[in-house]
mmCIF file of all heavy atoms, coordinates in Angstrom:
data_MODEL
# 
_entry.id   MODEL 
# 
loop_
_atom_site.group_PDB 
_atom_site.id 
_atom_site.type_symbol 
_atom_site.label_atom_id 
_atom_site.label_alt_id 
_atom_site.label_comp_id 
_atom_site.label_asym_id 
_atom_site.label_entity_id 
_atom_site.label_seq_id 
_atom_site.pdbx_PDB_ins_code 
_atom_site.Cartn_x 
_atom_site.Cartn_y 
_atom_site.Cartn_z 
_atom_site.occupancy 
_atom_site.B_iso_or_equiv 
_atom_site.pdbx_formal_charge 
_atom_site.auth_seq_id 
_atom_site.auth_comp_id 
_atom_site.auth_asym_id 
_atom_site.auth_atom_id 
_atom_site.pdbx_PDB_model_num 
ATOM 1   N N   . GLY A 1 1  ? -61.167 13.112 7.965  1.00 0.00 ? 1  GLY A N   1 
ATOM 2   C CA  . GLY A 1 1  ? -59.789 13.233 7.468  1.00 0.00 ? 1  GLY A CA  1 
ATOM 3   C C   . GLY A 1 1  ? -59.005 14.338 8.208  1.00 0.00 ? 1  GLY A C   1 
ATOM 4   O O   . GLY A 1 1  ? -59.450 14.858 9.204  1.00 0.00 ? 1  GLY A O   1 
ATOM 5   N N   . HIS A 1 2  ? -57.858 14.649 7.639  1.00 0.00 ? 2  HIS A N   1 
ATOM 6   C CA  . HIS A 1 2  ? -56.939 15.646 8.208  1.00 0.00 ? 2  HIS A CA  1 
ATOM 7   C C   . HIS A 1 2  ? -56.779 15.347 9.699  1.00 0.00 ? 2  HIS A C   1 
ATOM 8   O O   . HIS A 1 2  ? -57.243 16.101 10.544 1.00 0.00 ? 2  HIS A O   1 
ATOM 9   C CB  . HIS A 1 2  ? -57.437 17.090 7.958  1.00 0.00 ? 2  HIS A CB  1 
ATOM 10  C CG  . HIS A 1 2  ? -57.341 17.484 6.564  1.00 0.00 ? 2  HIS A CG  1 
ATOM 11  N ND1 . HIS A 1 2  ? -58.402 17.388 5.692  1.00 0.00 ? 2  HIS A ND1 1 
ATOM 12  C CD2 . HIS A 1 2  ? -56.282 17.953 5.824  1.00 0.00 ? 2  HIS A CD2 1 
ATOM 13  C CE1 . HIS A 1 2  ? -58.018 17.811 4.518  1.00 0.00 ? 2  HIS A CE1 1 
ATOM 14  N NE2 . HIS A 1 2  ? -56.765 18.160 4.561  1.00 0.00 ? 2  HIS A NE2 1 
ATOM 15  N N   . ASN A 1 3  ? -56.091 14.290 9.980  1.00 0.00 ? 3  ASN A N   1 
ATOM 16  C CA  . ASN A 1 3  ? -56.025 13.760 11.333 1.00 0.00 ? 3  ASN A CA  1 
ATOM 17  C C   . ASN A 1 3  ? -54.699 14.052 12.096 1.00 0.00 ? 3  ASN A C   1 
ATOM 18  O O   . ASN A 1 3  ? -53.721 14.423 11.463 1.00 0.00 ? 3  ASN A O   1 
ATOM 19  C CB  . ASN A 1 3  ? -56.241 12.252 11.273 1.00 0.00 ? 3  ASN A CB  1 
ATOM 20  C CG  . ASN A 1 3  ? -55.176 11.598 10.451 1.00 0.00 ? 3  ASN A CG  1 
ATOM 21  O OD1 . ASN A 1 3  ? -54.139 11.210 10.936 1.00 0.00 ? 3  ASN A OD1 1 
ATOM 22  N ND2 . ASN A 1 3  ? -55.434 11.458 9.154  1.00 0.00 ? 3  ASN A ND2 1 
ATOM 23  N N   . CYS A 1 4  ? -54.761 13.804 13.374 1.00 0.00 ? 4  CYS A N   1 
ATOM 24  C CA  . CYS A 1 4  ? -53.610 13.974 14.255 1.00 0.00 ? 4  CYS A CA  1 
ATOM 25  C C   . CYS A 1 4  ? -53.786 13.001 15.414 1.00 0.00 ? 4  CYS A C   1 
ATOM 26  O O   . CYS A 1 4  ? -54.902 12.822 15.923 1.00 0.00 ? 4  CYS A O   1 
ATOM 27  C CB  . CYS A 1 4  ? -53.559 15.404 14.786 1.00 0.00 ? 4  CYS A CB  1 
ATOM 28  S SG  . CYS A 1 4  ? -52.251 15.694 15.986 1.00 0.00 ? 4  CYS A SG  1 
ATOM 29  N N   . VAL A 1 5  ? -52.697 12.350 15.834 1.00 0.00 ? 5  VAL A N   1 
ATOM 30  C CA  . VAL A 1 5  ? -52.758 11.472 16.982 1.00 0.00 ? 5  VAL A CA  1 
ATOM 31  C C   . VAL A 1 5  ? -52.110 12.170 18.157 1.00 0.00 ? 5  VAL A C   1 
ATOM 32  O O   . VAL A 1 5  ? -51.044 12.757 18.022 1.00 0.00 ? 5  VAL A O   1 
ATOM 33  C CB  . VAL A 1 5  ? -52.023 10.110 16.699 1.00 0.00 ? 5  VAL A CB  1 
ATOM 34  C CG1 . VAL A 1 5  ? -51.962 9.251  17.937 1.00 0.00 ? 5  VAL A CG1 1 
ATOM 35  C CG2 . VAL A 1 5  ? -52.727 9.388  15.564 1.00 0.00 ? 5  VAL A CG2 1 
ATOM 36  N N   . VAL A 1 6  ? -52.789 12.132 19.313 1.00 0.00 ? 6  VAL A N   1 
ATOM 37  C CA  . VAL A 1 6  ? -52.262 12.738 20.527 1.00 0.00 ? 6  VAL A CA  1 
ATOM 38  C C   . VAL A 1 6  ? -52.374 11.681 21.626 1.00 0.00 ? 6  VAL A C   1 
ATOM 39  O O   . VAL A 1 6  ? -53.201 10.805 21.587 1.00 0.00 ? 6  VAL A O   1 
ATOM 40  C CB  . VAL A 1 6  ? -53.041 13.989 20.954 1.00 0.00 ? 6  VAL A CB  1 
ATOM 41  C CG1 . VAL A 1 6  ? -52.830 15.105 19.953 1.00 0.00 ? 6  VAL A CG1 1 
ATOM 42  C CG2 . VAL A 1 6  ? -54.534 13.736 21.092 1.00 0.00 ? 6  VAL A CG2 1 
ATOM 43  N N   . THR A 1 7  ? -51.411 11.757 22.567 1.00 0.00 ? 7  THR A N   1 
ATOM 44  C CA  . THR A 1 7  ? -51.364 10.825 23.694 1.00 0.00 ? 7  THR A CA  1 
ATOM 45  C C   . THR A 1 7  ? -51.689 11.592 24.969 1.00 0.00 ? 7  THR A C   1 
ATOM 46  O O   . THR A 1 7  ? -51.073 12.636 25.221 1.00 0.00 ? 7  THR A O   1 
ATOM 47  C CB  . THR A 1 7  ? -50.000 10.163 23.803 1.00 0.00 ? 7  THR A CB  1 
ATOM 48  O OG1 . THR A 1 7  ? -49.690 9.560  22.537 1.00 0.00 ? 7  THR A OG1 1 
ATOM 49  C CG2 . THR A 1 7  ? -49.981 9.118  24.893 1.00 0.00 ? 7  THR A CG2 1 
ATOM 50  N N   . ASP A 1 8  ? -52.656 11.090 25.765 1.00 0.00 ? 8  ASP A N   1 
ATOM 51  C CA  . ASP A 1 8  ? -53.010 11.831 26.992 1.00 0.00 ? 8  ASP A CA  1 
ATOM 52  C C   . ASP A 1 8  ? -52.084 11.465 28.140 1.00 0.00 ? 8  ASP A C   1 
ATOM 53  O O   . ASP A 1 8  ? -51.154 10.683 27.969 1.00 0.00 ? 8  ASP A O   1 
ATOM 54  C CB  . ASP A 1 8  ? -54.504 11.607 27.313 1.00 0.00 ? 8  ASP A CB  1 
ATOM 55  C CG  . ASP A 1 8  ? -54.871 10.202 27.771 1.00 0.00 ? 8  ASP A CG  1 
ATOM 56  O OD1 . ASP A 1 8  ? -53.939 9.405  28.108 1.00 0.00 ? 8  ASP A OD1 1 
ATOM 57  O OD2 . ASP A 1 8  ? -56.051 9.920  27.860 1.00 0.00 ? 8  ASP A OD2 1 
ATOM 58  N N   . ALA A 1 9  ? -52.325 12.066 29.302 1.00 0.00 ? 9  ALA A N   1 
ATOM 59  C CA  . ALA A 1 9  ? -51.452 11.888 30.432 1.00 0.00 ? 9  ALA A CA  1 
ATOM 60  C C   . ALA A 1 9  ? -51.439 10.450 30.972 1.00 0.00 ? 9  ALA A C   1 
ATOM 61  O O   . ALA A 1 9  ? -50.531 10.007 31.664 1.00 0.00 ? 9  ALA A O   1 
ATOM 62  C CB  . ALA A 1 9  ? -51.884 12.824 31.549 1.00 0.00 ? 9  ALA A CB  1 
ATOM 63  N N   . ALA A 1 10 ? -52.464 9.668  30.609 1.00 0.00 ? 10 ALA A N   1 
ATOM 64  C CA  . ALA A 1 10 ? -52.515 8.253  31.030 1.00 0.00 ? 10 ALA A CA  1 
ATOM 65  C C   . ALA A 1 10 ? -51.847 7.317  29.997 1.00 0.00 ? 10 ALA A C   1 
ATOM 66  O O   . ALA A 1 10 ? -51.863 6.129  30.175 1.00 0.00 ? 10 ALA A O   1 
ATOM 67  C CB  . ALA A 1 10 ? -53.975 7.835  31.234 1.00 0.00 ? 10 ALA A CB  1 
ATOM 68  N N   . GLY A 1 11 ? -51.344 7.888  28.932 1.00 0.00 ? 11 GLY A N   1 
ATOM 69  C CA  . GLY A 1 11 ? -50.702 7.082  27.878 1.00 0.00 ? 11 GLY A CA  1 
ATOM 70  C C   . GLY A 1 11 ? -51.646 6.577  26.810 1.00 0.00 ? 11 GLY A C   1 
ATOM 71  O O   . GLY A 1 11 ? -51.243 5.767  25.960 1.00 0.00 ? 11 GLY A O   1 
ATOM 72  N N   . GLN A 1 12 ? -52.885 6.980  26.840 1.00 0.00 ? 12 GLN A N   1 
ATOM 73  C CA  . GLN A 1 12 ? -53.872 6.547  25.845 1.00 0.00 ? 12 GLN A CA  1 
ATOM 74  C C   . GLN A 1 12 ? -53.781 7.447  24.607 1.00 0.00 ? 12 GLN A C   1 
ATOM 75  O O   . GLN A 1 12 ? -53.723 8.661  24.724 1.00 0.00 ? 12 GLN A O   1 
ATOM 76  C CB  . GLN A 1 12 ? -55.320 6.698  26.424 1.00 0.00 ? 12 GLN A CB  1 
ATOM 77  C CG  . GLN A 1 12 ? -56.412 6.394  25.465 1.00 0.00 ? 12 GLN A CG  1 
ATOM 78  C CD  . GLN A 1 12 ? -56.400 4.983  24.964 1.00 0.00 ? 12 GLN A CD  1 
ATOM 79  O OE1 . GLN A 1 12 ? -56.420 4.046  25.768 1.00 0.00 ? 12 GLN A OE1 1 
ATOM 80  N NE2 . GLN A 1 12 ? -56.383 4.813  23.662 1.00 0.00 ? 12 GLN A NE2 1 
ATOM 81  N N   . ASP A 1 13 ? -53.738 6.816  23.448 1.00 0.00 ? 13 ASP A N   1 
ATOM 82  C CA  . ASP A 1 13 ? -53.719 7.547  22.184 1.00 0.00 ? 13 ASP A CA  1 
ATOM 83  C C   . ASP A 1 13 ? -55.141 7.914  21.764 1.00 0.00 ? 13 ASP A C   1 
ATOM 84  O O   . ASP A 1 13 ? -56.087 7.149  21.977 1.00 0.00 ? 13 ASP A O   1 
ATOM 85  C CB  . ASP A 1 13 ? -53.033 6.741  21.070 1.00 0.00 ? 13 ASP A CB  1 
ATOM 86  C CG  . ASP A 1 13 ? -51.547 6.646  21.262 1.00 0.00 ? 13 ASP A CG  1 
ATOM 87  O OD1 . ASP A 1 13 ? -50.973 7.419  22.037 1.00 0.00 ? 13 ASP A OD1 1 
ATOM 88  O OD2 . ASP A 1 13 ? -50.962 5.736  20.631 1.00 0.00 ? 13 ASP A OD2 1 
ATOM 89  N N   . TRP A 1 14 ? -55.263 9.084  21.133 1.00 0.00 ? 14 TRP A N   1 
ATOM 90  C CA  . TRP A 1 14 ? -56.531 9.603  20.601 1.00 0.00 ? 14 TRP A CA  1 
ATOM 91  C C   . TRP A 1 14 ? -56.347 10.065 19.195 1.00 0.00 ? 14 TRP A C   1 
ATOM 92  O O   . TRP A 1 14 ? -55.317 10.658 18.898 1.00 0.00 ? 14 TRP A O   1 
ATOM 93  C CB  . TRP A 1 14 ? -57.062 10.758 21.490 1.00 0.00 ? 14 TRP A CB  1 
ATOM 94  C CG  . TRP A 1 14 ? -57.318 10.336 22.881 1.00 0.00 ? 14 TRP A CG  1 
ATOM 95  C CD1 . TRP A 1 14 ? -56.416 10.186 23.907 1.00 0.00 ? 14 TRP A CD1 1 
ATOM 96  C CD2 . TRP A 1 14 ? -58.583 9.946  23.449 1.00 0.00 ? 14 TRP A CD2 1 
ATOM 97  N NE1 . TRP A 1 14 ? -57.039 9.780  25.058 1.00 0.00 ? 14 TRP A NE1 1 
ATOM 98  C CE2 . TRP A 1 14 ? -58.380 9.621  24.796 1.00 0.00 ? 14 TRP A CE2 1 
ATOM 99  C CE3 . TRP A 1 14 ? -59.874 9.892  22.921 1.00 0.00 ? 14 TRP A CE3 1 
ATOM 100 C CZ2 . TRP A 1 14 ? -59.417 9.235  25.618 1.00 0.00 ? 14 TRP A CZ2 1 
ATOM 101 C CZ3 . TRP A 1 14 ? -60.896 9.522  23.758 1.00 0.00 ? 14 TRP A CZ3 1 
ATOM 102 C CH2 . TRP A 1 14 ? -60.688 9.170  25.098 1.00 0.00 ? 14 TRP A CH2 1 
ATOM 103 N N   . LEU A 1 15 ? -57.308 9.821  18.354 1.00 0.00 ? 15 LEU A N   1 
ATOM 104 C CA  . LEU A 1 15 ? -57.304 10.305 16.979 1.00 0.00 ? 15 LEU A CA  1 
ATOM 105 C C   . LEU A 1 15 ? -58.215 11.507 16.851 1.00 0.00 ? 15 LEU A C   1 
ATOM 106 O O   . LEU A 1 15 ? -59.443 11.383 17.069 1.00 0.00 ? 15 LEU A O   1 
ATOM 107 C CB  . LEU A 1 15 ? -57.738 9.200  16.011 1.00 0.00 ? 15 LEU A CB  1 
ATOM 108 C CG  . LEU A 1 15 ? -57.692 9.563  14.535 1.00 0.00 ? 15 LEU A CG  1 
ATOM 109 C CD1 . LEU A 1 15 ? -56.248 9.621  14.043 1.00 0.00 ? 15 LEU A CD1 1 
ATOM 110 C CD2 . LEU A 1 15 ? -58.488 8.601  13.712 1.00 0.00 ? 15 LEU A CD2 1 
ATOM 111 N N   . ALA A 1 16 ? -57.647 12.640 16.536 1.00 0.00 ? 16 ALA A N   1 
ATOM 112 C CA  . ALA A 1 16 ? -58.445 13.833 16.267 1.00 0.00 ? 16 ALA A CA  1 
ATOM 113 C C   . ALA A 1 16 ? -58.490 14.023 14.778 1.00 0.00 ? 16 ALA A C   1 
ATOM 114 O O   . ALA A 1 16 ? -57.491 13.874 14.050 1.00 0.00 ? 16 ALA A O   1 
ATOM 115 C CB  . ALA A 1 16 ? -57.773 15.057 16.911 1.00 0.00 ? 16 ALA A CB  1 
ATOM 116 N N   . CYS A 1 17 ? -59.664 14.276 14.245 1.00 0.00 ? 17 CYS A N   1 
ATOM 117 C CA  . CYS A 1 17 ? -59.809 14.543 12.803 1.00 0.00 ? 17 CYS A CA  1 
ATOM 118 C C   . CYS A 1 17 ? -61.042 15.438 12.639 1.00 0.00 ? 17 CYS A C   1 
ATOM 119 O O   . CYS A 1 17 ? -61.716 15.777 13.584 1.00 0.00 ? 17 CYS A O   1 
ATOM 120 C CB  . CYS A 1 17 ? -59.972 13.270 12.009 1.00 0.00 ? 17 CYS A CB  1 
ATOM 121 S SG  . CYS A 1 17 ? -61.560 12.398 12.251 1.00 0.00 ? 17 CYS A SG  1 
ATOM 122 N N   . HIS A 1 18 ? -61.253 15.846 11.415 1.00 0.00 ? 18 HIS A N   1 
ATOM 123 C CA  . HIS A 1 18 ? -62.471 16.592 11.167 1.00 0.00 ? 18 HIS A CA  1 
ATOM 124 C C   . HIS A 1 18 ? -63.320 15.848 10.179 1.00 0.00 ? 18 HIS A C   1 
ATOM 125 O O   . HIS A 1 18 ? -62.852 14.976 9.436  1.00 0.00 ? 18 HIS A O   1 
ATOM 126 C CB  . HIS A 1 18 ? -62.224 18.007 10.708 1.00 0.00 ? 18 HIS A CB  1 
ATOM 127 C CG  . HIS A 1 18 ? -61.492 18.141 9.428  1.00 0.00 ? 18 HIS A CG  1 
ATOM 128 N ND1 . HIS A 1 18 ? -62.094 17.927 8.192  1.00 0.00 ? 18 HIS A ND1 1 
ATOM 129 C CD2 . HIS A 1 18 ? -60.228 18.463 9.147  1.00 0.00 ? 18 HIS A CD2 1 
ATOM 130 C CE1 . HIS A 1 18 ? -61.232 18.116 7.223  1.00 0.00 ? 18 HIS A CE1 1 
ATOM 131 N NE2 . HIS A 1 18 ? -60.086 18.457 7.788  1.00 0.00 ? 18 HIS A NE2 1 
ATOM 132 N N   . ALA A 1 19 ? -64.652 16.052 10.264 1.00 0.00 ? 19 ALA A N   1 
ATOM 133 C CA  . ALA A 1 19 ? -65.580 15.389 9.390  1.00 0.00 ? 19 ALA A CA  1 
ATOM 134 C C   . ALA A 1 19 ? -66.743 16.342 9.119  1.00 0.00 ? 19 ALA A C   1 
ATOM 135 O O   . ALA A 1 19 ? -66.962 17.320 9.781  1.00 0.00 ? 19 ALA A O   1 
ATOM 136 C CB  . ALA A 1 19 ? -66.057 14.109 10.066 1.00 0.00 ? 19 ALA A CB  1 
ATOM 137 N N   . ILE A 1 20 ? -67.539 15.965 8.109  1.00 0.00 ? 20 ILE A N   1 
ATOM 138 C CA  . ILE A 1 20 ? -68.675 16.789 7.697  1.00 0.00 ? 20 ILE A CA  1 
ATOM 139 C C   . ILE A 1 20 ? -69.950 16.226 8.382  1.00 0.00 ? 20 ILE A C   1 
ATOM 140 O O   . ILE A 1 20 ? -70.207 15.036 8.298  1.00 0.00 ? 20 ILE A O   1 
ATOM 141 C CB  . ILE A 1 20 ? -68.865 16.731 6.162  1.00 0.00 ? 20 ILE A CB  1 
ATOM 142 C CG1 . ILE A 1 20 ? -67.624 17.328 5.479  1.00 0.00 ? 20 ILE A CG1 1 
ATOM 143 C CG2 . ILE A 1 20 ? -70.127 17.485 5.761  1.00 0.00 ? 20 ILE A CG2 1 
ATOM 144 C CD1 . ILE A 1 20 ? -67.585 17.033 3.978  1.00 0.00 ? 20 ILE A CD1 1 
ATOM 145 N N   . ASP A 1 21 ? -70.674 17.127 9.023  1.00 0.00 ? 21 ASP A N   1 
ATOM 146 C CA  . ASP A 1 21 ? -71.958 16.741 9.630  1.00 0.00 ? 21 ASP A CA  1 
ATOM 147 C C   . ASP A 1 21 ? -73.019 16.876 8.533  1.00 0.00 ? 21 ASP A C   1 
ATOM 148 O O   . ASP A 1 21 ? -73.317 17.975 8.063  1.00 0.00 ? 21 ASP A O   1 
ATOM 149 C CB  . ASP A 1 21 ? -72.290 17.667 10.764 1.00 0.00 ? 21 ASP A CB  1 
ATOM 150 C CG  . ASP A 1 21 ? -73.572 17.353 11.476 1.00 0.00 ? 21 ASP A CG  1 
ATOM 151 O OD1 . ASP A 1 21 ? -74.401 16.561 10.932 1.00 0.00 ? 21 ASP A OD1 1 
ATOM 152 O OD2 . ASP A 1 21 ? -73.791 17.882 12.596 1.00 0.00 ? 21 ASP A OD2 1 
ATOM 153 N N   . PRO A 1 22 ? -73.602 15.760 8.037  1.00 0.00 ? 22 PRO A N   1 
ATOM 154 C CA  . PRO A 1 22 ? -74.564 15.857 6.910  1.00 0.00 ? 22 PRO A CA  1 
ATOM 155 C C   . PRO A 1 22 ? -75.807 16.657 7.234  1.00 0.00 ? 22 PRO A C   1 
ATOM 156 O O   . PRO A 1 22 ? -76.503 17.096 6.348  1.00 0.00 ? 22 PRO A O   1 
ATOM 157 C CB  . PRO A 1 22 ? -74.891 14.377 6.605  1.00 0.00 ? 22 PRO A CB  1 
ATOM 158 C CG  . PRO A 1 22 ? -74.546 13.660 7.845  1.00 0.00 ? 22 PRO A CG  1 
ATOM 159 C CD  . PRO A 1 22 ? -73.433 14.386 8.516  1.00 0.00 ? 22 PRO A CD  1 
ATOM 160 N N   . ARG A 1 23 ? -76.090 16.903 8.537  1.00 0.00 ? 23 ARG A N   1 
ATOM 161 C CA  . ARG A 1 23 ? -77.241 17.705 8.898  1.00 0.00 ? 23 ARG A CA  1 
ATOM 162 C C   . ARG A 1 23 ? -77.002 19.187 8.623  1.00 0.00 ? 23 ARG A C   1 
ATOM 163 O O   . ARG A 1 23 ? -77.958 19.952 8.459  1.00 0.00 ? 23 ARG A O   1 
ATOM 164 C CB  . ARG A 1 23 ? -77.578 17.500 10.368 1.00 0.00 ? 23 ARG A CB  1 
ATOM 165 C CG  . ARG A 1 23 ? -78.044 16.083 10.711 1.00 0.00 ? 23 ARG A CG  1 
ATOM 166 C CD  . ARG A 1 23 ? -78.202 15.879 12.169 1.00 0.00 ? 23 ARG A CD  1 
ATOM 167 N NE  . ARG A 1 23 ? -76.961 16.252 12.839 1.00 0.00 ? 23 ARG A NE  1 
ATOM 168 C CZ  . ARG A 1 23 ? -76.845 16.390 14.170 1.00 0.00 ? 23 ARG A CZ  1 
ATOM 169 N NH1 . ARG A 1 23 ? -77.862 16.137 14.959 1.00 0.00 ? 23 ARG A NH1 1 
ATOM 170 N NH2 . ARG A 1 23 ? -75.664 16.737 14.714 1.00 0.00 ? 23 ARG A NH2 1 
ATOM 171 N N   . GLN A 1 24 ? -75.715 19.587 8.616  1.00 0.00 ? 24 GLN A N   1 
ATOM 172 C CA  . GLN A 1 24 ? -75.357 20.960 8.305  1.00 0.00 ? 24 GLN A CA  1 
ATOM 173 C C   . GLN A 1 24 ? -73.971 20.952 7.624  1.00 0.00 ? 24 GLN A C   1 
ATOM 174 O O   . GLN A 1 24 ? -72.966 21.245 8.251  1.00 0.00 ? 24 GLN A O   1 
ATOM 175 C CB  . GLN A 1 24 ? -75.328 21.859 9.554  1.00 0.00 ? 24 GLN A CB  1 
ATOM 176 C CG  . GLN A 1 24 ? -75.083 23.306 9.206  1.00 0.00 ? 24 GLN A CG  1 
ATOM 177 C CD  . GLN A 1 24 ? -74.961 24.200 10.451 1.00 0.00 ? 24 GLN A CD  1 
ATOM 178 O OE1 . GLN A 1 24 ? -75.100 23.735 11.566 1.00 0.00 ? 24 GLN A OE1 1 
ATOM 179 N NE2 . GLN A 1 24 ? -74.688 25.466 10.221 1.00 0.00 ? 24 GLN A NE2 1 
ATOM 180 N N   . PRO A 1 25 ? -73.950 20.611 6.339  1.00 0.00 ? 25 PRO A N   1 
ATOM 181 C CA  . PRO A 1 25 ? -72.639 20.445 5.651  1.00 0.00 ? 25 PRO A CA  1 
ATOM 182 C C   . PRO A 1 25 ? -71.972 21.765 5.221  1.00 0.00 ? 25 PRO A C   1 
ATOM 183 O O   . PRO A 1 25 ? -70.802 21.745 4.886  1.00 0.00 ? 25 PRO A O   1 
ATOM 184 C CB  . PRO A 1 25 ? -73.017 19.614 4.419  1.00 0.00 ? 25 PRO A CB  1 
ATOM 185 C CG  . PRO A 1 25 ? -74.438 19.950 4.161  1.00 0.00 ? 25 PRO A CG  1 
ATOM 186 C CD  . PRO A 1 25 ? -75.075 20.211 5.496  1.00 0.00 ? 25 PRO A CD  1 
ATOM 187 N N   . THR A 1 26 ? -72.686 22.846 5.293  1.00 0.00 ? 26 THR A N   1 
ATOM 188 C CA  . THR A 1 26 ? -72.103 24.144 4.883  1.00 0.00 ? 26 THR A CA  1 
ATOM 189 C C   . THR A 1 26 ? -72.292 25.181 5.992  1.00 0.00 ? 26 THR A C   1 
ATOM 190 O O   . THR A 1 26 ? -73.137 25.038 6.867  1.00 0.00 ? 26 THR A O   1 
ATOM 191 C CB  . THR A 1 26 ? -72.771 24.691 3.591  1.00 0.00 ? 26 THR A CB  1 
ATOM 192 O OG1 . THR A 1 26 ? -74.125 24.893 3.822  1.00 0.00 ? 26 THR A OG1 1 
ATOM 193 C CG2 . THR A 1 26 ? -72.538 23.739 2.420  1.00 0.00 ? 26 THR A CG2 1 
ATOM 194 N N   . PHE A 1 27 ? -71.487 26.239 5.924  1.00 0.00 ? 27 PHE A N   1 
ATOM 195 C CA  . PHE A 1 27 ? -71.624 27.366 6.820  1.00 0.00 ? 27 PHE A CA  1 
ATOM 196 C C   . PHE A 1 27 ? -72.741 28.254 6.362  1.00 0.00 ? 27 PHE A C   1 
ATOM 197 O O   . PHE A 1 27 ? -72.859 28.484 5.136  1.00 0.00 ? 27 PHE A O   1 
ATOM 198 C CB  . PHE A 1 27 ? -70.336 28.181 6.911  1.00 0.00 ? 27 PHE A CB  1 
ATOM 199 C CG  . PHE A 1 27 ? -69.191 27.485 7.601  1.00 0.00 ? 27 PHE A CG  1 
ATOM 200 C CD1 . PHE A 1 27 ? -68.205 26.860 6.875  1.00 0.00 ? 27 PHE A CD1 1 
ATOM 201 C CD2 . PHE A 1 27 ? -69.133 27.461 8.972  1.00 0.00 ? 27 PHE A CD2 1 
ATOM 202 C CE1 . PHE A 1 27 ? -67.157 26.242 7.523  1.00 0.00 ? 27 PHE A CE1 1 
ATOM 203 C CE2 . PHE A 1 27 ? -68.104 26.844 9.624  1.00 0.00 ? 27 PHE A CE2 1 
ATOM 204 C CZ  . PHE A 1 27 ? -67.074 26.234 8.910  1.00 0.00 ? 27 PHE A CZ  1 
ATOM 205 N N   . ASP A 1 28 ? -73.514 28.813 7.244  1.00 0.00 ? 28 ASP A N   1 
ATOM 206 C CA  . ASP A 1 28 ? -74.586 29.717 6.841  1.00 0.00 ? 28 ASP A CA  1 
ATOM 207 C C   . ASP A 1 28 ? -74.020 30.964 6.169  1.00 0.00 ? 28 ASP A C   1 
ATOM 208 O O   . ASP A 1 28 ? -74.635 31.520 5.283  1.00 0.00 ? 28 ASP A O   1 
ATOM 209 C CB  . ASP A 1 28 ? -75.407 30.149 8.075  1.00 0.00 ? 28 ASP A CB  1 
ATOM 210 C CG  . ASP A 1 28 ? -76.214 28.996 8.665  1.00 0.00 ? 28 ASP A CG  1 
ATOM 211 O OD1 . ASP A 1 28 ? -76.453 28.012 7.926  1.00 0.00 ? 28 ASP A OD1 1 
ATOM 212 O OD2 . ASP A 1 28 ? -76.511 29.050 9.843  1.00 0.00 ? 28 ASP A OD2 1 
# 
């Protein structure tokens, strides 16, 4: 979630978002 769409120099769109890695869901 918490996403953003960016377009690169070639005109390709990219979706940036963040997600939880279930192998390490919390900060130490």
